[in-house]
Protein backbone atom coordinates (compact mmCIF):
# COMPACT_ATOMS: atom_id res chain seq x y z
CA MET A 1 8.61 -13.84 11.62
CA ARG A 2 7.52 -12.44 8.27
CA LEU A 3 6.24 -8.88 8.05
CA ILE A 4 3.41 -10.00 5.76
CA GLU A 5 2.40 -13.61 5.30
CA ILE A 6 -0.34 -14.69 2.89
CA GLN A 7 -1.35 -18.35 2.94
CA ASN A 8 -3.62 -20.09 0.44
CA LEU A 9 -5.55 -16.93 -0.42
CA ILE A 10 -8.62 -17.44 -2.59
CA PHE A 11 -10.94 -14.59 -3.52
CA SER A 12 -14.06 -14.53 -5.69
CA TYR A 13 -16.16 -11.55 -6.67
CA PRO A 14 -19.93 -11.91 -6.10
CA GLY A 15 -21.66 -13.77 -8.92
CA GLU A 16 -18.41 -14.92 -10.56
CA ASN A 17 -17.75 -18.61 -11.24
CA VAL A 18 -13.98 -18.17 -11.50
CA SER A 19 -11.83 -17.00 -8.58
CA ALA A 20 -10.01 -13.70 -9.08
CA LEU A 21 -7.25 -15.04 -6.80
CA SER A 22 -6.54 -18.71 -6.26
CA GLY A 23 -4.01 -20.34 -3.95
CA ILE A 24 -1.85 -17.26 -3.41
CA ASN A 25 1.06 -17.81 -1.03
CA LEU A 26 3.42 -14.92 -0.36
CA GLY A 27 5.86 -13.97 2.37
CA ILE A 28 7.40 -10.51 2.67
CA ASP A 29 10.19 -9.79 5.11
CA GLU A 30 10.81 -6.41 6.74
CA GLY A 31 12.83 -4.10 4.49
CA GLU A 32 12.00 -6.05 1.34
CA PHE A 33 10.67 -4.21 -1.71
CA VAL A 34 8.17 -6.27 -3.65
CA LEU A 35 6.89 -5.52 -7.14
CA ILE A 36 3.67 -7.18 -8.19
CA CYS A 37 3.27 -7.06 -11.95
CA GLY A 38 1.22 -8.75 -14.61
CA PRO A 39 -1.26 -8.09 -17.38
CA SER A 40 -4.39 -6.05 -16.88
CA GLY A 41 -7.08 -7.98 -15.03
CA CYS A 42 -4.80 -10.62 -13.52
CA GLY A 43 -5.62 -9.66 -9.90
CA LYS A 44 -2.78 -7.35 -8.80
CA THR A 45 -5.07 -4.68 -7.34
CA THR A 46 -7.45 -7.28 -5.92
CA LEU A 47 -4.52 -8.91 -4.09
CA ILE A 48 -3.09 -5.68 -2.68
CA LYS A 49 -6.49 -4.44 -1.52
CA GLN A 50 -6.95 -7.64 0.50
CA LEU A 51 -4.20 -6.33 2.81
CA ILE A 52 -6.42 -3.42 3.85
CA PRO A 53 -9.90 -4.70 4.74
CA SER A 54 -11.45 -1.21 4.68
CA ILE A 55 -10.73 -0.92 0.92
CA ALA A 56 -10.95 -4.62 0.01
CA PRO A 57 -13.55 -5.45 -2.63
CA HIS A 58 -16.69 -7.32 -1.62
CA GLY A 59 -16.67 -11.03 -2.25
CA THR A 60 -15.76 -14.39 -0.77
CA LEU A 61 -12.33 -14.58 0.86
CA GLU A 62 -10.58 -17.73 2.07
CA GLY A 63 -7.09 -18.19 3.42
CA GLU A 64 -5.05 -16.18 5.86
CA ILE A 65 -3.33 -12.80 5.73
CA CYS A 66 -1.07 -11.90 8.64
CA LEU A 67 0.83 -8.74 9.49
CA GLN A 68 3.66 -9.29 11.97
CA GLY A 69 2.22 -12.67 12.89
CA LYS A 70 -1.33 -11.44 13.60
CA SER A 71 -4.35 -11.71 11.34
CA ILE A 72 -5.07 -8.39 9.63
CA GLU A 73 -8.61 -8.70 10.96
CA GLU A 74 -7.17 -8.02 14.44
CA TYR A 75 -5.85 -4.57 13.41
CA ASP A 76 -7.85 -1.36 13.34
CA ASP A 77 -7.87 0.87 10.25
CA ALA A 78 -5.52 3.48 11.77
CA THR A 79 -2.86 0.87 12.56
CA LEU A 80 -3.09 -0.65 9.09
CA ALA A 81 -2.80 2.84 7.56
CA ARG A 82 0.46 3.34 9.48
CA GLU A 83 1.85 -0.05 8.48
CA ILE A 84 0.73 -0.57 4.87
CA GLY A 85 0.97 1.88 1.98
CA TYR A 86 -0.66 1.48 -1.41
CA VAL A 87 -0.18 3.37 -4.68
CA GLY A 88 -2.75 2.52 -7.30
CA GLN A 89 -2.54 2.41 -11.08
CA ASN A 90 -3.25 6.11 -11.54
CA PRO A 91 -1.06 8.05 -9.09
CA SER A 92 -2.22 11.44 -10.40
CA SER A 93 -5.74 10.74 -9.14
CA GLN A 94 -4.28 10.13 -5.67
CA MET A 95 -2.38 13.42 -5.39
CA ILE A 96 -4.04 15.73 -2.89
CA THR A 97 -1.54 18.54 -2.40
CA ASP A 98 0.44 20.83 -4.67
CA LYS A 99 4.05 20.22 -3.61
CA VAL A 100 6.06 16.99 -3.39
CA TRP A 101 7.08 17.66 0.23
CA HIS A 102 3.45 18.20 1.25
CA GLU A 103 2.33 15.05 -0.53
CA LEU A 104 4.97 13.12 1.44
CA ALA A 105 3.85 14.80 4.68
CA PHE A 106 0.11 14.31 4.11
CA GLY A 107 -0.18 10.78 5.51
CA MET A 108 2.05 11.61 8.46
CA GLU A 109 -0.04 14.69 9.26
CA ASN A 110 -3.16 12.53 9.31
CA LEU A 111 -1.44 10.14 11.71
CA GLY A 112 -0.65 13.06 14.04
CA LEU A 113 3.13 13.01 13.76
CA ASP A 114 4.94 16.11 14.99
CA ASN A 115 6.71 18.46 12.53
CA GLU A 116 10.23 17.43 13.56
CA THR A 117 9.47 13.74 12.97
CA MET A 118 7.79 14.50 9.63
CA GLN A 119 10.73 16.61 8.43
CA ARG A 120 13.20 13.89 9.42
CA ARG A 121 11.20 11.16 7.68
CA ILE A 122 10.69 13.24 4.54
CA ALA A 123 14.45 13.85 4.38
CA GLU A 124 15.09 10.11 4.82
CA ILE A 125 12.59 9.21 2.10
CA CYS A 126 14.05 11.75 -0.32
CA GLU A 127 17.60 10.57 0.31
CA PHE A 128 16.65 6.90 -0.01
CA PHE A 129 14.89 7.43 -3.35
CA GLY A 130 17.33 10.11 -4.61
CA MET A 131 14.63 12.75 -4.94
CA GLN A 132 16.08 15.61 -2.89
CA SER A 133 15.95 17.94 -5.91
CA TRP A 134 12.21 17.30 -6.33
CA ILE A 135 11.11 18.22 -2.81
CA ASN A 136 9.81 21.72 -3.66
CA ARG A 137 8.44 20.90 -7.10
CA ASN A 138 4.75 20.97 -7.95
CA VAL A 139 3.37 17.44 -8.19
CA ASP A 140 1.74 18.23 -11.53
CA SER A 141 5.21 18.86 -13.01
CA LEU A 142 6.30 15.26 -12.37
CA SER A 143 6.31 12.62 -15.08
CA GLY A 144 3.81 9.81 -14.74
CA GLY A 145 6.35 7.30 -16.07
């Protein structure tokens, strides 16, 4: 079973004659890293936001989006927040805290994870991405590139 399965996704913004997304089919397996790239205005953000109904743009949506074999419509916002992460085009506007470690902990704090679990996961994230030396840096000292 795919972690995320998108089948024949079509999306149109209100009042538009041309679909922003048309016939999108995509399968993502657990552990896979997927990069969605393309020119400005091609629908990257529109596509990603369809995975999280609470932030999805208004419009007409056809097709099916499933997470772990279930329609995303069957999930509540808290569950989707635990399962799907999203970083937009301007990461600096999404930074809420001052330190890298606290930025990494922020989402976990909101999900009610205990300190021991958060510390373990932060260490795992830092090791995986090779960012152990950044953990105590101020987020405003990081490059945007």
